[in-house]
Amino acid sequence: MNSMLWLILLAILLIVEMATLGLTTIWFAGGALVAFIVSLFYDNILLEISLFLVISLLLLIFTRPFVKKYFNSTRIKTNYEALIGKEAIVTATIDNDFNTGLAVVNGQEWSARSVDGSKIEKGSKVIIENISGVKLMVSIKKEG
C-alpha cells in the first residue's frame, strides 16, 4: 500500500517539474523514488518518510548548486537583467530627495536613483546595482 502512495507522489512531483522546469521538485522526486524502492522491501512508514526527507534534503543541498551552475549557464539574461552590473553615465544630477536623476545605458535614458541616497552629479559614471520599477538603482563607480 505504501508503495503505491510513493509511486503516486513520485509521478506528481515529476509532472510538476516537467511543467515548471524550475529545478524545484526534482530533488523531492529523488527522495520519493528511494522511499518507493525501500517500501517494496520493508513495510515501515517511518523508515520510508525518514529516507524521503533525508535523501530529498541531501539532493537539494549538494546537487542543486552544481546543476544550476552547469545546466542553467546558457540562459541568456533578458531585458533589465542584462543591465545589472553595467556602467551608465549620469545625464541629469541624481538627487533622491527631489526624485530627480537620469542616466544613459546602451543608448537608452532611464530615470535613476542613488542606492545609498547620495547626490550624484551630471557626467558621473555609475554602476547599475538593481532596477526598481522603471528606475535604475545606481552607485558611483569607484575608479581604479
Protein backbone atom coordinates (compact mmCIF):
# COMPACT_ATOMS: atom_id res chain seq x y z
CA MET A 1 0.00 0.00 0.00
CA ASN A 2 2.81 2.44 0.89
CA SER A 3 4.48 1.63 -2.41
CA MET A 4 1.52 2.93 -4.37
CA LEU A 5 1.47 6.20 -2.41
CA TRP A 6 5.18 6.78 -3.04
CA LEU A 7 4.72 6.00 -6.72
CA ILE A 8 1.83 8.48 -6.97
CA LEU A 9 3.87 11.15 -5.15
CA LEU A 10 6.82 10.47 -7.47
CA ALA A 11 4.60 10.88 -10.54
CA ILE A 12 3.07 14.11 -9.23
CA LEU A 13 6.49 15.58 -8.43
CA LEU A 14 7.82 14.68 -11.88
CA ILE A 15 4.78 16.17 -13.61
CA VAL A 16 5.16 19.41 -11.64
CA GLU A 17 8.87 19.53 -12.54
CA MET A 18 8.14 18.99 -16.23
CA ALA A 19 5.50 21.71 -16.16
CA THR A 20 7.69 24.29 -14.43
CA LEU A 21 11.27 23.33 -15.33
CA GLY A 22 12.35 25.25 -12.27
CA LEU A 23 14.54 22.59 -10.63
CA THR A 24 12.35 22.69 -7.55
CA THR A 25 10.55 19.38 -7.20
CA ILE A 26 13.08 17.10 -8.88
CA TRP A 27 15.00 16.74 -5.60
CA PHE A 28 11.89 15.54 -3.78
CA ALA A 29 11.14 13.17 -6.64
CA GLY A 30 14.53 11.58 -5.93
CA GLY A 31 13.56 11.16 -2.29
CA ALA A 32 10.19 9.68 -3.29
CA LEU A 33 11.95 7.21 -5.61
CA VAL A 34 14.20 5.99 -2.79
CA ALA A 35 11.20 5.71 -0.44
CA PHE A 36 9.30 3.78 -3.11
CA ILE A 37 12.15 1.29 -3.57
CA VAL A 38 12.51 0.80 0.19
CA SER A 39 8.74 0.31 0.53
CA LEU A 40 8.95 -2.66 -1.82
CA PHE A 41 11.18 -4.50 0.64
CA TYR A 42 10.16 -3.12 4.04
CA ASP A 43 6.77 -2.11 5.37
CA ASN A 44 7.95 0.63 7.70
CA ILE A 45 6.39 4.03 7.00
CA LEU A 46 8.69 5.84 9.47
CA LEU A 47 11.76 4.50 7.67
CA GLU A 48 10.29 5.49 4.30
CA ILE A 49 9.39 9.02 5.41
CA SER A 50 12.80 9.46 7.04
CA LEU A 51 14.59 8.34 3.90
CA PHE A 52 12.37 10.56 1.75
CA LEU A 53 13.25 13.62 3.84
CA VAL A 54 16.95 12.84 4.20
CA ILE A 55 17.52 11.97 0.53
CA SER A 56 15.49 14.97 -0.66
CA LEU A 57 17.44 17.37 1.54
CA LEU A 58 20.79 15.86 0.59
CA LEU A 59 19.97 16.14 -3.10
CA LEU A 60 18.75 19.68 -2.63
CA ILE A 61 21.80 20.81 -0.67
CA PHE A 62 24.57 19.05 -2.57
CA THR A 63 23.43 18.74 -6.18
CA ARG A 64 21.24 21.80 -6.78
CA PRO A 65 24.11 24.35 -6.85
CA PHE A 66 26.08 22.13 -9.26
CA VAL A 67 23.10 21.58 -11.54
CA LYS A 68 22.12 25.27 -11.57
CA LYS A 69 25.68 26.28 -12.38
CA TYR A 70 26.28 23.87 -15.24
CA PHE A 71 22.81 23.25 -16.67
CA ASN A 72 21.48 26.78 -16.40
CA SER A 73 24.65 28.54 -17.54
CA THR A 74 23.48 29.02 -21.12
CA ARG A 75 20.44 31.01 -20.01
CA ILE A 76 20.61 34.42 -21.61
CA LYS A 77 19.78 37.37 -19.42
CA THR A 78 16.98 39.37 -20.95
CA ASN A 79 15.59 42.85 -20.61
CA TYR A 80 16.53 44.51 -17.35
CA GLU A 81 18.61 41.59 -16.01
CA ALA A 82 21.26 42.32 -18.64
CA LEU A 83 21.68 45.88 -17.31
CA ILE A 84 22.58 44.97 -13.73
CA GLY A 85 26.31 45.45 -13.20
CA LYS A 86 26.75 47.64 -16.29
CA GLU A 87 28.14 51.15 -16.34
CA ALA A 88 25.92 54.15 -17.09
CA ILE A 89 26.53 57.88 -17.46
CA VAL A 90 24.51 60.34 -15.40
CA THR A 91 22.82 62.88 -17.73
CA ALA A 92 20.87 64.77 -15.06
CA THR A 93 22.03 65.05 -11.45
CA ILE A 94 20.65 62.25 -9.28
CA ASP A 95 19.06 63.56 -6.10
CA ASN A 96 16.78 61.16 -4.24
CA ASP A 97 15.40 63.96 -2.05
CA PHE A 98 13.88 65.68 -5.09
CA ASN A 99 13.19 62.48 -7.10
CA THR A 100 15.40 63.64 -9.93
CA GLY A 101 18.07 61.99 -11.98
CA LEU A 102 18.65 60.42 -15.37
CA ALA A 103 21.29 58.05 -16.66
CA VAL A 104 22.07 56.60 -20.08
CA VAL A 105 22.96 52.96 -20.62
CA ASN A 106 23.14 51.21 -24.01
CA GLY A 107 21.88 54.41 -25.64
CA GLN A 108 18.68 54.46 -23.59
CA GLU A 109 17.87 57.08 -21.00
CA TRP A 110 16.44 55.88 -17.69
CA SER A 111 15.27 57.54 -14.51
CA ALA A 112 17.93 56.87 -11.91
CA ARG A 113 18.22 56.97 -8.14
CA SER A 114 21.18 56.50 -5.84
CA VAL A 115 21.27 53.27 -3.85
CA ASP A 116 22.78 54.94 -0.79
CA GLY A 117 20.81 58.19 -1.12
CA SER A 118 23.82 60.30 -2.04
CA LYS A 119 23.68 63.03 -4.66
CA ILE A 120 25.45 62.09 -7.92
CA GLU A 121 26.45 64.87 -10.30
CA LYS A 122 25.82 65.01 -14.05
CA GLY A 123 28.60 63.37 -16.06
CA SER A 124 29.49 60.84 -13.34
CA LYS A 125 29.97 57.19 -14.16
CA VAL A 126 27.75 54.85 -12.16
CA ILE A 127 27.21 51.12 -11.82
CA ILE A 128 23.69 49.73 -12.05
CA GLU A 129 23.05 47.79 -8.85
CA ASN A 130 19.37 46.98 -9.36
CA ILE A 131 16.23 48.11 -11.12
CA SER A 132 13.14 49.19 -9.21
CA GLY A 133 10.14 49.59 -11.47
CA VAL A 134 11.43 51.83 -14.26
CA LYS A 135 14.28 53.37 -12.27
CA LEU A 136 17.91 52.36 -12.27
CA MET A 137 19.28 52.00 -8.76
CA VAL A 138 22.91 53.07 -9.10
CA SER A 139 26.07 53.64 -7.13
CA ILE A 140 29.01 55.82 -8.08
CA LYS A 141 31.71 53.93 -9.96
CA LYS A 142 34.92 53.63 -8.00
CA GLU A 143 37.90 54.45 -10.18
CA GLY A 144 40.77 52.02 -10.12
